[in-house]
Amino acid sequence: MMDILPRQDIDLVDVCTPPFVHAQISINALRSGKKLSIIAQNRFRKSIRDLKALLNSGIAGPVGHAEIDSFWWRAHNYYDLWWPIEEIK
């Protein structure tokens, strides 16, 4: 991932990795000046609230596109995090 961030022919990063590395990849992409494509499954999680605060701050720039699709239902335990979020920072 880090080898594509300096490339001038890439301006958008779509993060499609296991959730526990989303934050660090997103931070690195934004710091390198890339636009970020974000897919969020649970709007009430702390990470999504943090993302909203980031967007509201203006650091990440304007939202260019938003889409909502929901084709399945998952029980709450699907969203239980097994990694400590603090380790990502």
PDB file of N, CA and C in Angstrom:
ATOM      1  N   MET A   1       0.815  -1.197   0.000  1.00  0.00           N
ATOM      2  CA  MET A   1       0.000   0.000   0.000  1.00  0.00           C
ATOM      3  C   MET A   1       0.857   1.259   0.000  1.00  0.00           C
ATOM      4  N   MET A   2       1.846   1.291   0.831  1.00  0.00           N
ATOM      5  CA  MET A   2       2.649   2.511   0.967  1.00  0.00           C
ATOM      6  C   MET A   2       3.361   2.864  -0.335  1.00  0.00           C
ATOM      7  N   ASP A   3       3.640   1.892  -1.192  1.00  0.00           N
ATOM      8  CA  ASP A   3       4.359   2.183  -2.431  1.00  0.00           C
ATOM      9  C   ASP A   3       3.491   2.895  -3.464  1.00  0.00           C
ATOM     10  N   ILE A   4       2.159   2.845  -3.330  1.00  0.00           N
ATOM     11  CA  ILE A   4       1.313   3.546  -4.298  1.00  0.00           C
ATOM     12  C   ILE A   4       1.010   4.984  -3.872  1.00  0.00           C
ATOM     13  N   LEU A   5       1.211   5.322  -2.618  1.00  0.00           N
ATOM     14  CA  LEU A   5       0.842   6.656  -2.152  1.00  0.00           C
ATOM     15  C   LEU A   5       1.616   7.783  -2.833  1.00  0.00           C
ATOM     16  N   PRO A   6       2.885   7.643  -3.154  1.00  0.00           N
ATOM     17  CA  PRO A   6       3.589   8.736  -3.841  1.00  0.00           C
ATOM     18  C   PRO A   6       3.213   8.887  -5.317  1.00  0.00           C
ATOM     19  N   ARG A   7       2.541   7.925  -5.894  1.00  0.00           N
ATOM     20  CA  ARG A   7       2.230   7.969  -7.332  1.00  0.00           C
ATOM     21  C   ARG A   7       1.276   9.103  -7.661  1.00  0.00           C
ATOM     22  N   GLN A   8       1.626   9.865  -8.697  1.00  0.00           N
ATOM     23  CA  GLN A   8       0.813  10.994  -9.132  1.00  0.00           C
ATOM     24  C   GLN A   8      -0.391  10.572  -9.968  1.00  0.00           C
ATOM     25  N   ASP A   9      -0.357   9.369 -10.533  1.00  0.00           N
ATOM     26  CA  ASP A   9      -1.466   8.909 -11.369  1.00  0.00           C
ATOM     27  C   ASP A   9      -2.590   8.274 -10.556  1.00  0.00           C
ATOM     28  N   ILE A  10      -2.465   8.238  -9.240  1.00  0.00           N
ATOM     29  CA  ILE A  10      -3.504   7.708  -8.358  1.00  0.00           C
ATOM     30  C   ILE A  10      -3.975   8.847  -7.461  1.00  0.00           C
ATOM     31  N   ASP A  11      -5.278   9.138  -7.534  1.00  0.00           N
ATOM     32  CA  ASP A  11      -5.789  10.223  -6.693  1.00  0.00           C
ATOM     33  C   ASP A  11      -6.877   9.771  -5.724  1.00  0.00           C
ATOM     34  N   LEU A  12      -7.331   8.522  -5.835  1.00  0.00           N
ATOM     35  CA  LEU A  12      -8.373   8.001  -4.964  1.00  0.00           C
ATOM     36  C   LEU A  12      -7.951   6.655  -4.410  1.00  0.00           C
ATOM     37  N   VAL A  13      -8.105   6.475  -3.119  1.00  0.00           N
ATOM     38  CA  VAL A  13      -7.788   5.208  -2.470  1.00  0.00           C
ATOM     39  C   VAL A  13      -9.082   4.618  -1.931  1.00  0.00           C
ATOM     40  N   ASP A  14      -9.387   3.412  -2.336  1.00  0.00           N
ATOM     41  CA  ASP A  14     -10.539   2.675  -1.838  1.00  0.00           C
ATOM     42  C   ASP A  14     -10.001   1.613  -0.881  1.00  0.00           C
ATOM     43  N   VAL A  15     -10.310   1.746   0.382  1.00  0.00           N
ATOM     44  CA  VAL A  15      -9.761   0.860   1.406  1.00  0.00           C
ATOM     45  C   VAL A  15     -10.620  -0.398   1.496  1.00  0.00           C
ATOM     46  N   CYS A  16     -10.068  -1.509   1.024  1.00  0.00           N
ATOM     47  CA  CYS A  16     -10.780  -2.803   1.005  1.00  0.00           C
ATOM     48  C   CYS A  16      -9.918  -3.840   1.704  1.00  0.00           C
ATOM     49  N   THR A  17      -9.722  -3.648   2.971  1.00  0.00           N
ATOM     50  CA  THR A  17      -8.849  -4.501   3.769  1.00  0.00           C
ATOM     51  C   THR A  17      -9.599  -4.946   5.017  1.00  0.00           C
ATOM     52  N   PRO A  18      -9.023  -5.850   5.789  1.00  0.00           N
ATOM     53  CA  PRO A  18      -9.661  -6.195   7.061  1.00  0.00           C
ATOM     54  C   PRO A  18      -9.828  -4.932   7.920  1.00  0.00           C
ATOM     55  N   PRO A  19     -10.941  -4.835   8.639  1.00  0.00           N
ATOM     56  CA  PRO A  19     -11.261  -3.606   9.363  1.00  0.00           C
ATOM     57  C   PRO A  19     -10.193  -3.101  10.321  1.00  0.00           C
ATOM     58  N   PHE A  20      -9.415  -3.981  10.920  1.00  0.00           N
ATOM     59  CA  PHE A  20      -8.467  -3.515  11.923  1.00  0.00           C
ATOM     60  C   PHE A  20      -7.326  -2.680  11.347  1.00  0.00           C
ATOM     61  N   VAL A  21      -7.167  -2.637  10.023  1.00  0.00           N
ATOM     62  CA  VAL A  21      -6.131  -1.783   9.429  1.00  0.00           C
ATOM     63  C   VAL A  21      -6.710  -0.597   8.662  1.00  0.00           C
ATOM     64  N   HIS A  22      -8.034  -0.450   8.647  1.00  0.00           N
ATOM     65  CA  HIS A  22      -8.658   0.661   7.930  1.00  0.00           C
ATOM     66  C   HIS A  22      -8.135   2.023   8.377  1.00  0.00           C
ATOM     67  N   ALA A  23      -8.076   2.236   9.684  1.00  0.00           N
ATOM     68  CA  ALA A  23      -7.705   3.563  10.196  1.00  0.00           C
ATOM     69  C   ALA A  23      -6.317   3.978   9.730  1.00  0.00           C
ATOM     70  N   GLN A  24      -5.331   3.123   9.900  1.00  0.00           N
ATOM     71  CA  GLN A  24      -3.963   3.505   9.558  1.00  0.00           C
ATOM     72  C   GLN A  24      -3.803   3.718   8.054  1.00  0.00           C
ATOM     73  N   ILE A  25      -4.414   2.880   7.251  1.00  0.00           N
ATOM     74  CA  ILE A  25      -4.342   3.052   5.798  1.00  0.00           C
ATOM     75  C   ILE A  25      -5.011   4.357   5.394  1.00  0.00           C
ATOM     76  N   SER A  26      -6.157   4.647   5.980  1.00  0.00           N
ATOM     77  CA  SER A  26      -6.877   5.876   5.666  1.00  0.00           C
ATOM     78  C   SER A  26      -6.069   7.110   6.051  1.00  0.00           C
ATOM     79  N   ILE A  27      -5.472   7.087   7.219  1.00  0.00           N
ATOM     80  CA  ILE A  27      -4.647   8.208   7.678  1.00  0.00           C
ATOM     81  C   ILE A  27      -3.478   8.420   6.728  1.00  0.00           C
ATOM     82  N   ASN A  28      -2.797   7.356   6.350  1.00  0.00           N
ATOM     83  CA  ASN A  28      -1.657   7.462   5.433  1.00  0.00           C
ATOM     84  C   ASN A  28      -2.088   8.007   4.075  1.00  0.00           C
ATOM     85  N   ALA A  29      -3.232   7.546   3.580  1.00  0.00           N
ATOM     86  CA  ALA A  29      -3.728   8.017   2.282  1.00  0.00           C
ATOM     87  C   ALA A  29      -4.049   9.510   2.335  1.00  0.00           C
ATOM     88  N   LEU A  30      -4.740   9.945   3.383  1.00  0.00           N
ATOM     89  CA  LEU A  30      -5.075  11.365   3.509  1.00  0.00           C
ATOM     90  C   LEU A  30      -3.833  12.223   3.656  1.00  0.00           C
ATOM     91  N   ARG A  31      -2.874  11.758   4.431  1.00  0.00           N
ATOM     92  CA  ARG A  31      -1.629  12.522   4.608  1.00  0.00           C
ATOM     93  C   ARG A  31      -0.855  12.655   3.306  1.00  0.00           C
ATOM     94  N   SER A  32      -1.023  11.696   2.398  1.00  0.00           N
ATOM     95  CA  SER A  32      -0.312  11.770   1.119  1.00  0.00           C
ATOM     96  C   SER A  32      -1.096  12.576   0.082  1.00  0.00           C
ATOM     97  N   GLY A  33      -2.248  13.122   0.496  1.00  0.00           N
ATOM     98  CA  GLY A  33      -3.009  13.967  -0.403  1.00  0.00           C
ATOM     99  C   GLY A  33      -4.016  13.243  -1.271  1.00  0.00           C
ATOM    100  N   LYS A  34      -4.249  11.970  -0.995  1.00  0.00           N
ATOM    101  CA  LYS A  34      -5.200  11.205  -1.795  1.00  0.00           C
ATOM    102  C   LYS A  34      -6.623  11.440  -1.300  1.00  0.00           C
ATOM    103  N   LYS A  35      -7.582  11.282  -2.200  1.00  0.00           N
ATOM    104  CA  LYS A  35      -8.982  11.239  -1.810  1.00  0.00           C
ATOM    105  C   LYS A  35      -9.245   9.834  -1.302  1.00  0.00           C
ATOM    106  N   LEU A  36     -10.250   9.708  -0.465  1.00  0.00           N
ATOM    107  CA  LEU A  36     -10.487   8.443   0.204  1.00  0.00           C
ATOM    108  C   LEU A  36     -11.912   7.972  -0.038  1.00  0.00           C
ATOM    109  N   SER A  37     -12.062   6.727  -0.443  1.00  0.00           N
ATOM    110  CA  SER A  37     -13.364   6.097  -0.586  1.00  0.00           C
ATOM    111  C   SER A  37     -13.608   5.285   0.678  1.00  0.00           C
ATOM    112  N   ILE A  38     -14.731   5.562   1.340  1.00  0.00           N
ATOM    113  CA  ILE A  38     -15.005   4.923   2.625  1.00  0.00           C
ATOM    114  C   ILE A  38     -16.328   4.181   2.543  1.00  0.00           C
ATOM    115  N   ILE A  39     -16.302   2.937   2.961  1.00  0.00           N
ATOM    116  CA  ILE A  39     -17.522   2.146   3.059  1.00  0.00           C
ATOM    117  C   ILE A  39     -17.705   1.838   4.537  1.00  0.00           C
ATOM    118  N   ALA A  40     -18.810   2.288   5.092  1.00  0.00           N
ATOM    119  CA  ALA A  40     -19.055   2.104   6.515  1.00  0.00           C
ATOM    120  C   ALA A  40     -20.292   1.249   6.722  1.00  0.00           C
ATOM    121  N   GLN A  41     -20.183   0.246   7.561  1.00  0.00           N
ATOM    122  CA  GLN A  41     -21.307  -0.654   7.791  1.00  0.00           C
ATOM    123  C   GLN A  41     -22.097  -0.317   9.039  1.00  0.00           C
ATOM    124  N   ASN A  42     -21.553   0.450   9.927  1.00  0.00           N
ATOM    125  CA  ASN A  42     -22.254   0.699  11.180  1.00  0.00           C
ATOM    126  C   ASN A  42     -22.036   2.135  11.613  1.00  0.00           C
ATOM    127  N   ARG A  43     -23.020   2.983  11.398  1.00  0.00           N
ATOM    128  CA  ARG A  43     -22.848   4.414  11.616  1.00  0.00           C
ATOM    129  C   ARG A  43     -22.771   4.826  13.077  1.00  0.00           C
ATOM    130  N   PHE A  44     -23.034   3.924  14.004  1.00  0.00           N
ATOM    131  CA  PHE A  44     -23.013   4.296  15.410  1.00  0.00           C
ATOM    132  C   PHE A  44     -21.718   3.920  16.120  1.00  0.00           C
ATOM    133  N   ARG A  45     -20.826   3.245  15.452  1.00  0.00           N
ATOM    134  CA  ARG A  45     -19.542   2.884  16.057  1.00  0.00           C
ATOM    135  C   ARG A  45     -18.687   4.125  16.262  1.00  0.00           C
ATOM    136  N   LYS A  46     -17.767   4.055  17.211  1.00  0.00           N
ATOM    137  CA  LYS A  46     -16.892   5.184  17.494  1.00  0.00           C
ATOM    138  C   LYS A  46     -16.089   5.587  16.264  1.00  0.00           C
ATOM    139  N   SER A  47     -15.632   4.609  15.482  1.00  0.00           N
ATOM    140  CA  SER A  47     -14.824   4.934  14.311  1.00  0.00           C
ATOM    141  C   SER A  47     -15.618   5.766  13.301  1.00  0.00           C
ATOM    142  N   ILE A  48     -16.898   5.493  13.160  1.00  0.00           N
ATOM    143  CA  ILE A  48     -17.724   6.263  12.238  1.00  0.00           C
ATOM    144  C   ILE A  48     -17.993   7.651  12.804  1.00  0.00           C
ATOM    145  N   ARG A  49     -18.200   7.736  14.105  1.00  0.00           N
ATOM    146  CA  ARG A  49     -18.362   9.069  14.723  1.00  0.00           C
ATOM    147  C   ARG A  49     -17.079   9.874  14.561  1.00  0.00           C
ATOM    148  N   ASP A  50     -15.920   9.216  14.690  1.00  0.00           N
ATOM    149  CA  ASP A  50     -14.636   9.903  14.479  1.00  0.00           C
ATOM    150  C   ASP A  50     -14.506  10.366  13.033  1.00  0.00           C
ATOM    151  N   LEU A  51     -14.942   9.530  12.096  1.00  0.00           N
ATOM    152  CA  LEU A  51     -14.912   9.906  10.691  1.00  0.00           C
ATOM    153  C   LEU A  51     -15.794  11.125  10.444  1.00  0.00           C
ATOM    154  N   LYS A  52     -16.978  11.148  11.040  1.00  0.00           N
ATOM    155  CA  LYS A  52     -17.868  12.290  10.884  1.00  0.00           C
ATOM    156  C   LYS A  52     -17.201  13.557  11.408  1.00  0.00           C
ATOM    157  N   ALA A  53     -16.534  13.455  12.554  1.00  0.00           N
ATOM    158  CA  ALA A  53     -15.822  14.610  13.102  1.00  0.00           C
ATOM    159  C   ALA A  53     -14.711  15.058  12.152  1.00  0.00           C
ATOM    160  N   LEU A  54     -13.996  14.103  11.552  1.00  0.00           N
ATOM    161  CA  LEU A  54     -12.944  14.426  10.587  1.00  0.00           C
ATOM    162  C   LEU A  54     -13.531  15.159   9.387  1.00  0.00           C
ATOM    163  N   LEU A  55     -14.635  14.656   8.857  1.00  0.00           N
ATOM    164  CA  LEU A  55     -15.271  15.309   7.713  1.00  0.00           C
ATOM    165  C   LEU A  55     -15.778  16.693   8.091  1.00  0.00           C
ATOM    166  N   ASN A  56     -16.355  16.826   9.275  1.00  0.00           N
ATOM    167  CA  ASN A  56     -16.855  18.122   9.720  1.00  0.00           C
ATOM    168  C   ASN A  56     -15.731  19.132   9.924  1.00  0.00           C
ATOM    169  N   SER A  57     -14.532  18.652  10.243  1.00  0.00           N
ATOM    170  CA  SER A  57     -13.406  19.558  10.479  1.00  0.00           C
ATOM    171  C   SER A  57     -12.877  20.182   9.186  1.00  0.00           C
ATOM    172  N   GLY A  58     -13.154  19.557   8.045  1.00  0.00           N
ATOM    173  CA  GLY A  58     -12.668  20.071   6.773  1.00  0.00           C
ATOM    174  C   GLY A  58     -11.308  19.539   6.364  1.00  0.00           C
ATOM    175  N   ILE A  59     -10.638  18.791   7.222  1.00  0.00           N
ATOM    176  CA  ILE A  59      -9.309  18.265   6.915  1.00  0.00           C
ATOM    177  C   ILE A  59      -9.334  17.357   5.694  1.00  0.00           C
ATOM    178  N   ALA A  60     -10.366  16.519   5.583  1.00  0.00           N
ATOM    179  CA  ALA A  60     -10.435  15.538   4.504  1.00  0.00           C
ATOM    180  C   ALA A  60     -11.030  16.116   3.222  1.00  0.00           C
ATOM    181  N   GLY A  61     -11.493  17.357   3.249  1.00  0.00           N
ATOM    182  CA  GLY A  61     -12.112  17.952   2.070  1.00  0.00           C
ATOM    183  C   GLY A  61     -13.577  17.590   1.977  1.00  0.00           C
ATOM    184  N   PRO A  62     -14.225  18.011   0.914  1.00  0.00           N
ATOM    185  CA  PRO A  62     -15.666  17.778   0.790  1.00  0.00           C
ATOM    186  C   PRO A  62     -15.979  16.324   0.421  1.00  0.00           C
ATOM    187  N   VAL A  63     -17.175  15.893   0.772  1.00  0.00           N
ATOM    188  CA  VAL A  63     -17.649  14.572   0.378  1.00  0.00           C
ATOM    189  C   VAL A  63     -18.017  14.650  -1.098  1.00  0.00           C
ATOM    190  N   GLY A  64     -17.453  13.763  -1.899  1.00  0.00           N
ATOM    191  CA  GLY A  64     -17.692  13.774  -3.332  1.00  0.00           C
ATOM    192  C   GLY A  64     -18.787  12.830  -3.770  1.00  0.00           C
ATOM    193  N   HIS A  65     -19.088  11.839  -2.958  1.00  0.00           N
ATOM    194  CA  HIS A  65     -20.100  10.848  -3.343  1.00  0.00           C
ATOM    195  C   HIS A  65     -20.529  10.089  -2.099  1.00  0.00           C
ATOM    196  N   ALA A  66     -21.781   9.765  -2.022  1.00  0.00           N
ATOM    197  CA  ALA A  66     -22.273   8.918  -0.939  1.00  0.00           C
ATOM    198  C   ALA A  66     -23.299   7.955  -1.516  1.00  0.00           C
ATOM    199  N   GLU A  67     -23.268   6.732  -1.029  1.00  0.00           N
ATOM    200  CA  GLU A  67     -24.199   5.714  -1.505  1.00  0.00           C
ATOM    201  C   GLU A  67     -24.554   4.799  -0.344  1.00  0.00           C
ATOM    202  N   ILE A  68     -25.800   4.410  -0.254  1.00  0.00           N
ATOM    203  CA  ILE A  68     -26.237   3.514   0.809  1.00  0.00           C
ATOM    204  C   ILE A  68     -26.951   2.330   0.181  1.00  0.00           C
ATOM    205  N   ASP A  69     -26.455   1.137   0.461  1.00  0.00           N
ATOM    206  CA  ASP A  69     -27.084  -0.104   0.020  1.00  0.00           C
ATOM    207  C   ASP A  69     -27.123  -1.041   1.212  1.00  0.00           C
ATOM    208  N   SER A  70     -28.236  -1.679   1.416  1.00  0.00           N
ATOM    209  CA  SER A  70     -28.332  -2.657   2.499  1.00  0.00           C
ATOM    210  C   SER A  70     -29.148  -3.835   1.997  1.00  0.00           C
ATOM    211  N   PHE A  71     -28.473  -4.936   1.733  1.00  0.00           N
ATOM    212  CA  PHE A  71     -29.128  -6.100   1.163  1.00  0.00           C
ATOM    213  C   PHE A  71     -29.199  -7.284   2.116  1.00  0.00           C
ATOM    214  N   TRP A  72     -28.702  -7.122   3.336  1.00  0.00           N
ATOM    215  CA  TRP A  72     -28.737  -8.218   4.279  1.00  0.00           C
ATOM    216  C   TRP A  72     -28.837  -7.676   5.698  1.00  0.00           C
ATOM    217  N   TRP A  73     -29.172  -8.550   6.605  1.00  0.00           N
ATOM    218  CA  TRP A  73     -29.230  -8.224   8.022  1.00  0.00           C
ATOM    219  C   TRP A  73     -28.214  -9.094   8.732  1.00  0.00           C
ATOM    220  N   ARG A  74     -27.489  -8.491   9.660  1.00  0.00           N
ATOM    221  CA  ARG A  74     -26.514  -9.244  10.453  1.00  0.00           C
ATOM    222  C   ARG A  74     -26.767  -8.981  11.928  1.00  0.00           C
ATOM    223  N   ALA A  75     -26.605  -9.995  12.739  1.00  0.00           N
ATOM    224  CA  ALA A  75     -26.783  -9.848  14.183  1.00  0.00           C
ATOM    225  C   ALA A  75     -25.687  -8.948  14.751  1.00  0.00           C
ATOM    226  N   HIS A  76     -25.934  -8.392  15.919  1.00  0.00           N
ATOM    227  CA  HIS A  76     -24.990  -7.451  16.525  1.00  0.00           C
ATOM    228  C   HIS A  76     -23.601  -8.034  16.723  1.00  0.00           C
ATOM    229  N   ASN A  77     -23.479  -9.338  16.958  1.00  0.00           N
ATOM    230  CA  ASN A  77     -22.152  -9.919  17.203  1.00  0.00           C
ATOM    231  C   ASN A  77     -21.267  -9.905  15.954  1.00  0.00           C
ATOM    232  N   TYR A  78     -21.851  -9.741  14.767  1.00  0.00           N
ATOM    233  CA  TYR A  78     -21.046  -9.608  13.559  1.00  0.00           C
ATOM    234  C   TYR A  78     -20.153  -8.369  13.649  1.00  0.00           C
ATOM    235  N   TYR A  79     -20.635  -7.338  14.312  1.00  0.00           N
ATOM    236  CA  TYR A  79     -19.912  -6.065  14.380  1.00  0.00           C
ATOM    237  C   TYR A  79     -19.024  -5.943  15.607  1.00  0.00           C
ATOM    238  N   ASP A  80     -19.026  -6.937  16.475  1.00  0.00           N
ATOM    239  CA  ASP A  80     -18.170  -6.876  17.664  1.00  0.00           C
ATOM    240  C   ASP A  80     -16.709  -6.857  17.244  1.00  0.00           C
ATOM    241  N   LEU A  81     -15.974  -5.898  17.768  1.00  0.00           N
ATOM    242  CA  LEU A  81     -14.556  -5.772  17.426  1.00  0.00           C
ATOM    243  C   LEU A  81     -13.729  -6.665  18.336  1.00  0.00           C
ATOM    244  N   TRP A  82     -12.794  -7.371  17.763  1.00  0.00           N
ATOM    245  CA  TRP A  82     -11.921  -8.243  18.549  1.00  0.00           C
ATOM    246  C   TRP A  82     -10.534  -7.650  18.718  1.00  0.00           C
ATOM    247  N   TRP A  83     -10.281  -6.482  18.176  1.00  0.00           N
ATOM    248  CA  TRP A  83      -8.981  -5.845  18.310  1.00  0.00           C
ATOM    249  C   TRP A  83      -9.141  -4.539  19.077  1.00  0.00           C
ATOM    250  N   PRO A  84      -8.138  -4.154  19.837  1.00  0.00           N
ATOM    251  CA  PRO A  84      -8.202  -2.866  20.543  1.00  0.00           C
ATOM    252  C   PRO A  84      -7.932  -1.714  19.577  1.00  0.00           C
ATOM    253  N   ILE A  85      -8.865  -0.827  19.435  1.00  0.00           N
ATOM    254  CA  ILE A  85      -8.782   0.285  18.497  1.00  0.00           C
ATOM    255  C   ILE A  85      -7.586   1.191  18.833  1.00  0.00           C
ATOM    256  N   GLU A  86      -7.222   1.290  20.104  1.00  0.00           N
ATOM    257  CA  GLU A  86      -6.120   2.173  20.506  1.00  0.00           C
ATOM    258  C   GLU A  86      -4.786   1.769  19.862  1.00  0.00           C
ATOM    259  N   GLU A  87      -4.606   0.489  19.555  1.00  0.00           N
ATOM    260  CA  GLU A  87      -3.351   0.031  18.959  1.00  0.00           C
ATOM    261  C   GLU A  87      -3.138   0.569  17.547  1.00  0.00           C
ATOM    262  N   ILE A  88      -4.194   0.989  16.897  1.00  0.00           N
ATOM    263  CA  ILE A  88      -4.086   1.467  15.526  1.00  0.00           C
ATOM    264  C   ILE A  88      -3.485   2.869  15.480  1.00  0.00           C
ATOM    265  N   LYS A  89      -3.746   3.660  16.503  1.00  0.00           N
ATOM    266  CA  LYS A  89      -3.318   5.076  16.506  1.00  0.00           C
ATOM    267  C   LYS A  89      -1.831   5.249  16.557  1.00  0.00           C
TER     268      LYS A  89
END
